[in-house]
Amino acid sequence: MKGVFKNWYLAIFIGLLVQGCGNQQLVSDLETALGGSESEAASGFASSISSSVPSTTNSLEIPISINLASAANLKASDLACSGCIVANCSGSGTSYKCTVIPKDVSVSVQLVSGTLKNSSGTPNSSSNVMSFVVSAADTTYGLCIKASNFYKKYGNTLGF
């Protein structure tokens, strides 16, 4: 049905008219053809971030899960972060996993509204903010370990 309605206003009007008549299947078909529901088009598709790690932690790598209500291509750079680096994003469609590497005591990650678009061009809405408090000593240690592992893997490529 994609491309049947060139004017999405007309399609929504027809959908509301049909919905008033009780034909839910036709309404569902119209929403699919338009790339989502009327409310989704107005506010964007939902997104959420979760983690099995508690909000107060001494973890040097924090796994997070990102769930999207509509399929999109998520990259680490799509996430707004403070006090951390987001790396190792994997997944597809509506489910992704990433690793948060703390750089500071206070860490937060969010998927900001409008960062992603689904195949119909509908943007995402803002996700929840995932926040962590990380021990300063452990954070410093984590950065030293990461630097040490980089040196072991790549050698003195930075010219120090």
N, C-alpha and C. Protein backbone atom coordinates (compact mmCIF):
# COMPACT_ATOMS: atom_id res chain seq x y z
N MET A 1 0.79 -1.19 0.00
CA MET A 1 0.00 0.00 0.00
C MET A 1 0.84 1.26 0.00
N LYS A 2 2.15 1.12 0.17
CA LYS A 2 2.99 2.31 0.21
C LYS A 2 2.87 3.07 -1.09
N GLY A 3 2.80 4.38 -0.97
CA GLY A 3 2.74 5.23 -2.13
C GLY A 3 1.33 5.41 -2.70
N VAL A 4 0.33 4.73 -2.11
CA VAL A 4 -1.03 4.85 -2.61
C VAL A 4 -1.55 6.26 -2.37
N PHE A 5 -1.29 6.79 -1.19
CA PHE A 5 -1.75 8.15 -0.86
C PHE A 5 -0.59 9.11 -0.97
N LYS A 6 -0.68 10.04 -1.90
CA LYS A 6 0.36 11.03 -2.04
C LYS A 6 0.19 12.13 -1.02
N ASN A 7 -0.99 12.32 -0.52
CA ASN A 7 -1.27 13.35 0.46
C ASN A 7 -1.61 12.67 1.78
N TRP A 8 -0.70 12.69 2.72
CA TRP A 8 -0.90 11.96 3.98
C TRP A 8 -2.04 12.54 4.81
N TYR A 9 -2.36 13.81 4.59
CA TYR A 9 -3.51 14.39 5.29
C TYR A 9 -4.80 13.65 4.91
N LEU A 10 -4.95 13.40 3.62
CA LEU A 10 -6.12 12.68 3.13
C LEU A 10 -6.16 11.28 3.73
N ALA A 11 -5.02 10.63 3.79
CA ALA A 11 -4.95 9.28 4.34
C ALA A 11 -5.34 9.26 5.81
N ILE A 12 -4.90 10.23 6.57
CA ILE A 12 -5.28 10.30 7.98
C ILE A 12 -6.77 10.56 8.12
N PHE A 13 -7.29 11.47 7.30
CA PHE A 13 -8.73 11.76 7.34
C PHE A 13 -9.53 10.50 7.05
N ILE A 14 -9.15 9.78 6.00
CA ILE A 14 -9.86 8.55 5.65
C ILE A 14 -9.73 7.53 6.78
N GLY A 15 -8.54 7.46 7.37
CA GLY A 15 -8.32 6.55 8.49
C GLY A 15 -9.20 6.87 9.67
N LEU A 16 -9.34 8.15 9.99
CA LEU A 16 -10.20 8.55 11.10
C LEU A 16 -11.66 8.25 10.79
N LEU A 17 -12.05 8.47 9.55
CA LEU A 17 -13.42 8.19 9.12
C LEU A 17 -13.70 6.70 9.25
N VAL A 18 -12.78 5.87 8.77
CA VAL A 18 -12.94 4.42 8.84
C VAL A 18 -12.92 3.96 10.29
N GLN A 19 -12.03 4.55 11.10
CA GLN A 19 -11.95 4.18 12.51
C GLN A 19 -13.28 4.46 13.20
N GLY A 20 -13.91 5.58 12.85
CA GLY A 20 -15.22 5.90 13.41
C GLY A 20 -16.27 4.89 13.01
N CYS A 21 -16.07 4.23 11.87
CA CYS A 21 -17.02 3.21 11.42
C CYS A 21 -16.69 1.84 12.00
N GLY A 22 -15.56 1.72 12.70
CA GLY A 22 -15.24 0.48 13.40
C GLY A 22 -14.38 -0.50 12.62
N ASN A 23 -13.81 -0.15 11.48
CA ASN A 23 -12.98 -1.08 10.72
C ASN A 23 -11.52 -0.91 11.13
N GLN A 24 -11.11 -1.59 12.19
CA GLN A 24 -9.76 -1.46 12.73
C GLN A 24 -8.68 -2.01 11.78
N GLN A 25 -9.00 -3.06 11.00
CA GLN A 25 -8.00 -3.62 10.09
C GLN A 25 -7.61 -2.61 9.03
N LEU A 26 -8.57 -1.88 8.47
CA LEU A 26 -8.27 -0.87 7.47
C LEU A 26 -7.45 0.27 8.09
N VAL A 27 -7.79 0.65 9.34
CA VAL A 27 -7.02 1.67 10.03
C VAL A 27 -5.58 1.21 10.20
N SER A 28 -5.39 -0.04 10.61
CA SER A 28 -4.05 -0.60 10.78
C SER A 28 -3.28 -0.61 9.46
N ASP A 29 -3.96 -0.99 8.36
CA ASP A 29 -3.32 -1.00 7.05
C ASP A 29 -2.89 0.41 6.64
N LEU A 30 -3.73 1.41 6.92
CA LEU A 30 -3.39 2.79 6.60
C LEU A 30 -2.19 3.27 7.40
N GLU A 31 -2.16 2.93 8.69
CA GLU A 31 -1.02 3.31 9.53
C GLU A 31 0.27 2.70 9.01
N THR A 32 0.20 1.42 8.61
CA THR A 32 1.37 0.75 8.06
C THR A 32 1.82 1.43 6.77
N ALA A 33 0.88 1.77 5.91
CA ALA A 33 1.21 2.43 4.64
C ALA A 33 1.86 3.79 4.86
N LEU A 34 1.45 4.46 5.93
CA LEU A 34 1.98 5.79 6.21
C LEU A 34 3.24 5.75 7.05
N GLY A 35 3.63 4.57 7.52
CA GLY A 35 4.85 4.46 8.31
C GLY A 35 4.64 4.70 9.79
N GLY A 36 3.46 4.45 10.32
CA GLY A 36 3.23 4.59 11.75
C GLY A 36 1.90 5.22 12.04
N SER A 37 1.58 5.29 13.31
CA SER A 37 0.30 5.86 13.71
C SER A 37 0.35 7.38 13.67
N GLU A 38 -0.82 8.00 13.75
CA GLU A 38 -0.91 9.46 13.73
C GLU A 38 -0.14 10.04 14.91
N SER A 39 -0.28 9.42 16.10
CA SER A 39 0.44 9.93 17.28
C SER A 39 1.94 9.76 17.12
N GLU A 40 2.37 8.67 16.48
CA GLU A 40 3.80 8.47 16.26
C GLU A 40 4.35 9.54 15.32
N ALA A 41 3.60 9.89 14.29
CA ALA A 41 4.06 10.91 13.34
C ALA A 41 4.22 12.25 14.03
N ALA A 42 3.35 12.54 15.00
CA ALA A 42 3.42 13.82 15.69
C ALA A 42 4.55 13.89 16.70
N SER A 43 4.82 12.78 17.40
CA SER A 43 5.81 12.83 18.48
C SER A 43 7.07 12.02 18.21
N GLY A 44 7.09 11.19 17.21
CA GLY A 44 8.24 10.34 16.94
C GLY A 44 8.06 8.97 17.58
N PHE A 45 8.84 8.00 17.11
CA PHE A 45 8.72 6.66 17.68
C PHE A 45 9.52 6.56 18.97
N ALA A 46 9.02 5.75 19.88
CA ALA A 46 9.59 5.64 21.22
C ALA A 46 10.96 4.96 21.21
N SER A 47 11.77 5.32 22.20
CA SER A 47 13.08 4.69 22.40
C SER A 47 13.35 4.63 23.90
N SER A 48 14.06 3.59 24.32
CA SER A 48 14.38 3.47 25.74
C SER A 48 15.76 2.84 25.92
N ILE A 49 16.41 3.19 27.03
CA ILE A 49 17.73 2.65 27.37
C ILE A 49 17.61 1.96 28.73
N SER A 50 18.22 0.79 28.85
CA SER A 50 18.23 0.07 30.12
C SER A 50 19.59 -0.57 30.34
N SER A 51 19.84 -1.00 31.58
CA SER A 51 21.09 -1.68 31.91
C SER A 51 20.87 -2.59 33.11
N SER A 52 21.61 -3.67 33.15
CA SER A 52 21.55 -4.58 34.30
C SER A 52 22.46 -4.09 35.43
N VAL A 53 23.29 -3.09 35.14
CA VAL A 53 24.22 -2.55 36.14
C VAL A 53 23.47 -1.53 37.00
N PRO A 54 23.65 -1.59 38.33
CA PRO A 54 22.98 -0.62 39.19
C PRO A 54 23.47 0.81 38.94
N SER A 55 22.67 1.80 39.34
CA SER A 55 23.00 3.20 39.06
C SER A 55 24.25 3.67 39.81
N THR A 56 24.59 3.04 40.93
CA THR A 56 25.87 3.30 41.62
C THR A 56 26.73 2.07 41.39
N THR A 57 27.88 2.27 40.77
CA THR A 57 28.69 1.12 40.36
C THR A 57 30.18 1.43 40.39
N ASN A 58 30.99 0.39 40.36
CA ASN A 58 32.42 0.55 40.17
C ASN A 58 32.86 -0.18 38.90
N SER A 59 31.89 -0.45 38.05
CA SER A 59 32.15 -1.16 36.80
C SER A 59 32.91 -0.28 35.81
N LEU A 60 33.89 -0.87 35.14
CA LEU A 60 34.69 -0.14 34.17
C LEU A 60 34.10 -0.19 32.76
N GLU A 61 33.20 -1.12 32.56
CA GLU A 61 32.46 -1.22 31.30
C GLU A 61 31.01 -1.51 31.66
N ILE A 62 30.11 -0.65 31.23
CA ILE A 62 28.70 -0.76 31.59
C ILE A 62 27.91 -1.14 30.34
N PRO A 63 27.35 -2.35 30.30
CA PRO A 63 26.54 -2.73 29.15
C PRO A 63 25.17 -2.06 29.21
N ILE A 64 24.71 -1.52 28.08
CA ILE A 64 23.37 -0.94 28.01
C ILE A 64 22.63 -1.56 26.83
N SER A 65 21.31 -1.54 26.93
CA SER A 65 20.45 -2.00 25.84
C SER A 65 19.59 -0.83 25.38
N ILE A 66 19.46 -0.68 24.08
CA ILE A 66 18.61 0.36 23.51
C ILE A 66 17.51 -0.33 22.72
N ASN A 67 16.27 -0.01 23.06
CA ASN A 67 15.13 -0.58 22.36
C ASN A 67 14.37 0.53 21.65
N LEU A 68 14.05 0.28 20.40
CA LEU A 68 13.33 1.25 19.57
C LEU A 68 11.97 0.68 19.21
N ALA A 69 10.96 1.52 19.14
CA ALA A 69 9.62 1.08 18.76
C ALA A 69 9.50 0.89 17.25
N SER A 70 10.45 1.41 16.48
CA SER A 70 10.45 1.28 15.04
C SER A 70 11.88 1.03 14.57
N ALA A 71 12.06 0.20 13.58
CA ALA A 71 13.40 -0.17 13.12
C ALA A 71 14.17 1.04 12.58
N ALA A 72 15.42 1.17 13.00
CA ALA A 72 16.31 2.24 12.54
C ALA A 72 17.75 1.74 12.70
N ASN A 73 18.69 2.44 12.10
CA ASN A 73 20.11 2.05 12.19
C ASN A 73 20.81 2.90 13.24
N LEU A 74 21.09 2.33 14.40
CA LEU A 74 21.72 3.03 15.51
C LEU A 74 23.23 2.83 15.48
N LYS A 75 23.97 3.93 15.71
CA LYS A 75 25.43 3.88 15.85
C LYS A 75 25.78 4.49 17.20
N ALA A 76 26.96 4.19 17.70
CA ALA A 76 27.41 4.73 18.99
C ALA A 76 27.36 6.26 18.98
N SER A 77 27.69 6.87 17.86
CA SER A 77 27.72 8.33 17.77
C SER A 77 26.31 8.96 17.83
N ASP A 78 25.26 8.14 17.72
CA ASP A 78 23.90 8.66 17.82
C ASP A 78 23.49 8.95 19.26
N LEU A 79 24.23 8.41 20.22
CA LEU A 79 23.89 8.58 21.63
C LEU A 79 24.60 9.80 22.20
N ALA A 80 23.85 10.64 22.91
CA ALA A 80 24.43 11.79 23.61
C ALA A 80 24.93 11.28 24.96
N CYS A 81 26.19 11.54 25.25
CA CYS A 81 26.73 11.03 26.50
C CYS A 81 27.54 12.10 27.22
N SER A 82 27.59 11.95 28.54
CA SER A 82 28.33 12.87 29.38
C SER A 82 29.16 12.04 30.35
N GLY A 83 30.45 12.32 30.42
CA GLY A 83 31.33 11.62 31.35
C GLY A 83 31.68 10.21 30.93
N CYS A 84 31.50 9.90 29.65
CA CYS A 84 31.77 8.54 29.20
C CYS A 84 32.01 8.50 27.69
N ILE A 85 32.37 7.32 27.25
CA ILE A 85 32.49 7.01 25.82
C ILE A 85 31.54 5.85 25.57
N VAL A 86 30.79 5.89 24.47
CA VAL A 86 29.93 4.77 24.09
C VAL A 86 30.62 4.04 22.95
N ALA A 87 30.76 2.72 23.10
CA ALA A 87 31.49 1.93 22.10
C ALA A 87 30.80 0.58 21.89
N ASN A 88 31.31 -0.14 20.93
CA ASN A 88 30.89 -1.52 20.67
C ASN A 88 29.38 -1.67 20.51
N CYS A 89 28.77 -0.81 19.72
CA CYS A 89 27.33 -0.95 19.47
C CYS A 89 27.09 -2.06 18.46
N SER A 90 26.16 -2.92 18.79
CA SER A 90 25.79 -3.99 17.87
C SER A 90 24.29 -4.20 17.96
N GLY A 91 23.75 -4.80 16.94
CA GLY A 91 22.33 -5.07 16.88
C GLY A 91 21.77 -4.60 15.56
N SER A 92 20.46 -4.71 15.42
CA SER A 92 19.80 -4.25 14.20
C SER A 92 18.32 -4.07 14.48
N GLY A 93 17.66 -3.37 13.58
CA GLY A 93 16.22 -3.19 13.70
C GLY A 93 15.82 -2.38 14.91
N THR A 94 15.23 -3.05 15.90
CA THR A 94 14.71 -2.36 17.08
C THR A 94 15.50 -2.65 18.35
N SER A 95 16.53 -3.50 18.29
CA SER A 95 17.25 -3.89 19.50
C SER A 95 18.77 -3.76 19.32
N TYR A 96 19.39 -2.98 20.21
CA TYR A 96 20.84 -2.74 20.14
C TYR A 96 21.47 -2.89 21.53
N LYS A 97 22.74 -3.22 21.55
CA LYS A 97 23.53 -3.30 22.77
C LYS A 97 24.80 -2.50 22.56
N CYS A 98 25.20 -1.71 23.58
CA CYS A 98 26.41 -0.91 23.53
C CYS A 98 27.14 -1.02 24.86
N THR A 99 28.38 -0.59 24.87
CA THR A 99 29.18 -0.55 26.09
C THR A 99 29.49 0.89 26.43
N VAL A 100 29.21 1.27 27.68
CA VAL A 100 29.54 2.60 28.18
C VAL A 100 30.84 2.48 28.96
N ILE A 101 31.84 3.28 28.60
CA ILE A 101 33.14 3.29 29.29
C ILE A 101 33.25 4.62 30.04
N PRO A 102 33.16 4.57 31.39
CA PRO A 102 33.20 5.81 32.18
C PRO A 102 34.52 6.55 32.06
N LYS A 103 34.43 7.88 31.98
CA LYS A 103 35.60 8.77 32.01
C LYS A 103 35.54 9.68 33.23
N ASP A 104 34.40 9.68 33.91
CA ASP A 104 34.17 10.60 35.01
C ASP A 104 33.33 9.90 36.07
N VAL A 105 33.15 10.55 37.20
CA VAL A 105 32.37 9.99 38.29
C VAL A 105 30.88 9.95 37.93
N SER A 106 30.41 10.97 37.23
CA SER A 106 29.01 11.06 36.83
C SER A 106 28.90 10.74 35.35
N VAL A 107 28.08 9.76 35.03
CA VAL A 107 27.94 9.27 33.65
C VAL A 107 26.46 9.30 33.27
N SER A 108 26.16 9.80 32.07
CA SER A 108 24.78 9.73 31.57
C SER A 108 24.77 9.50 30.07
N VAL A 109 23.74 8.78 29.62
CA VAL A 109 23.58 8.45 28.20
C VAL A 109 22.11 8.63 27.83
N GLN A 110 21.86 9.21 26.64
CA GLN A 110 20.50 9.39 26.16
C GLN A 110 20.49 9.37 24.64
N LEU A 111 19.39 8.88 24.09
CA LEU A 111 19.14 8.99 22.66
C LEU A 111 18.24 10.21 22.49
N VAL A 112 18.78 11.27 21.92
CA VAL A 112 18.08 12.55 21.80
C VAL A 112 17.04 12.47 20.68
N SER A 113 15.95 13.17 20.86
CA SER A 113 14.87 13.23 19.88
C SER A 113 15.39 13.65 18.51
N GLY A 114 14.93 12.95 17.46
CA GLY A 114 15.27 13.31 16.09
C GLY A 114 16.61 12.81 15.60
N THR A 115 17.32 12.02 16.41
CA THR A 115 18.63 11.51 16.02
C THR A 115 18.51 10.42 14.95
N LEU A 116 17.48 9.60 15.06
CA LEU A 116 17.26 8.49 14.12
C LEU A 116 15.99 8.72 13.32
N LYS A 117 15.89 8.04 12.20
CA LYS A 117 14.66 8.03 11.41
C LYS A 117 14.40 6.61 10.95
N ASN A 118 13.13 6.23 10.97
CA ASN A 118 12.78 4.90 10.46
C ASN A 118 12.68 4.96 8.93
N SER A 119 12.30 3.85 8.32
CA SER A 119 12.26 3.80 6.85
C SER A 119 11.24 4.76 6.25
N SER A 120 10.26 5.20 7.04
CA SER A 120 9.26 6.14 6.55
C SER A 120 9.65 7.59 6.79
N GLY A 121 10.80 7.80 7.43
CA GLY A 121 11.26 9.15 7.70
C GLY A 121 10.78 9.72 9.02
N THR A 122 10.08 8.92 9.83
CA THR A 122 9.61 9.37 11.14
C THR A 122 10.79 9.38 12.11
N PRO A 123 11.02 10.48 12.82
CA PRO A 123 12.15 10.55 13.77
C PRO A 123 11.79 9.87 15.10
N ASN A 124 12.83 9.57 15.87
CA ASN A 124 12.61 9.02 17.21
C ASN A 124 12.27 10.12 18.21
N SER A 125 11.62 9.74 19.28
CA SER A 125 11.43 10.66 20.41
C SER A 125 12.59 10.44 21.37
N SER A 126 12.79 11.35 22.31
CA SER A 126 13.90 11.22 23.26
C SER A 126 13.70 10.00 24.15
N SER A 127 14.78 9.31 24.43
CA SER A 127 14.73 8.18 25.36
C SER A 127 14.85 8.71 26.79
N ASN A 128 14.73 7.81 27.72
CA ASN A 128 15.03 8.13 29.11
C ASN A 128 16.54 8.42 29.22
N VAL A 129 16.94 9.13 30.26
CA VAL A 129 18.37 9.36 30.52
C VAL A 129 18.84 8.26 31.45
N MET A 130 19.86 7.51 31.03
CA MET A 130 20.44 6.45 31.86
C MET A 130 21.64 7.05 32.56
N SER A 131 21.61 7.10 33.89
CA SER A 131 22.67 7.74 34.66
C SER A 131 23.33 6.76 35.60
N PHE A 132 24.63 6.94 35.79
CA PHE A 132 25.42 6.12 36.71
C PHE A 132 26.34 7.01 37.52
N VAL A 133 26.64 6.58 38.75
CA VAL A 133 27.66 7.21 39.57
C VAL A 133 28.76 6.16 39.72
N VAL A 134 29.97 6.51 39.30
CA VAL A 134 31.09 5.58 39.26
C VAL A 134 32.17 6.07 40.21
N SER A 135 32.77 5.13 40.95
CA SER A 135 33.86 5.48 41.86
C SER A 135 34.99 6.15 41.09
N ALA A 136 35.48 7.32 41.59
CA ALA A 136 36.54 8.08 40.90
C ALA A 136 37.79 7.25 40.74
N ALA A 137 38.16 6.51 41.79
CA ALA A 137 39.38 5.69 41.72
C ALA A 137 39.23 4.61 40.65
N ASP A 138 38.06 3.98 40.60
CA ASP A 138 37.84 2.93 39.62
C ASP A 138 37.80 3.49 38.21
N THR A 139 37.26 4.68 38.04
CA THR A 139 37.21 5.32 36.72
C THR A 139 38.61 5.60 36.22
N THR A 140 39.46 6.16 37.08
CA THR A 140 40.84 6.44 36.70
C THR A 140 41.56 5.14 36.35
N TYR A 141 41.36 4.12 37.17
CA TYR A 141 41.97 2.82 36.91
C TYR A 141 41.50 2.27 35.57
N GLY A 142 40.21 2.41 35.29
CA GLY A 142 39.66 1.93 34.03
C GLY A 142 40.30 2.60 32.83
N LEU A 143 40.53 3.89 32.92
CA LEU A 143 41.17 4.60 31.81
C LEU A 143 42.62 4.16 31.65
N CYS A 144 43.29 3.89 32.76
CA CYS A 144 44.68 3.40 32.68
C CYS A 144 44.72 2.02 32.03
N ILE A 145 43.79 1.15 32.40
CA ILE A 145 43.73 -0.18 31.81
C ILE A 145 43.45 -0.07 30.30
N LYS A 146 42.51 0.79 29.93
CA LYS A 146 42.20 0.97 28.50
C LYS A 146 43.42 1.48 27.74
N ALA A 147 44.15 2.44 28.31
CA ALA A 147 45.35 2.96 27.66
C ALA A 147 46.41 1.88 27.55
N SER A 148 46.55 1.08 28.60
CA SER A 148 47.53 -0.01 28.59
C SER A 148 47.18 -1.04 27.51
N ASN A 149 45.91 -1.40 27.42
CA ASN A 149 45.48 -2.36 26.39
C ASN A 149 45.69 -1.79 24.99
N PHE A 150 45.44 -0.50 24.79
CA PHE A 150 45.67 0.15 23.51
C PHE A 150 47.15 0.05 23.15
N TYR A 151 48.02 0.34 24.12
CA TYR A 151 49.47 0.31 23.86
C TYR A 151 49.92 -1.10 23.51
N LYS A 152 49.39 -2.10 24.23
CA LYS A 152 49.75 -3.49 23.95
C LYS A 152 49.32 -3.89 22.54
N LYS A 153 48.13 -3.41 22.12
CA LYS A 153 47.61 -3.80 20.82
C LYS A 153 48.25 -3.03 19.67
N TYR A 154 48.45 -1.71 19.85
CA TYR A 154 48.88 -0.86 18.74
C TYR A 154 50.31 -0.34 18.87
N GLY A 155 50.93 -0.51 20.03
CA GLY A 155 52.28 -0.02 20.24
C GLY A 155 52.30 1.50 20.35
N ASN A 156 53.45 2.08 20.15
CA ASN A 156 53.61 3.52 20.32
C ASN A 156 53.27 4.24 19.01
N THR A 157 52.00 4.12 18.59
CA THR A 157 51.59 4.73 17.32
C THR A 157 51.28 6.22 17.46
N LEU A 158 51.19 6.72 18.68
CA LEU A 158 50.86 8.12 18.88
C LEU A 158 52.10 9.00 19.02
N GLY A 159 53.28 8.40 19.01
CA GLY A 159 54.51 9.17 19.03
C GLY A 159 54.92 9.67 20.41
N PHE A 160 54.50 9.00 21.46
CA PHE A 160 54.92 9.41 22.82
C PHE A 160 56.26 8.84 23.17
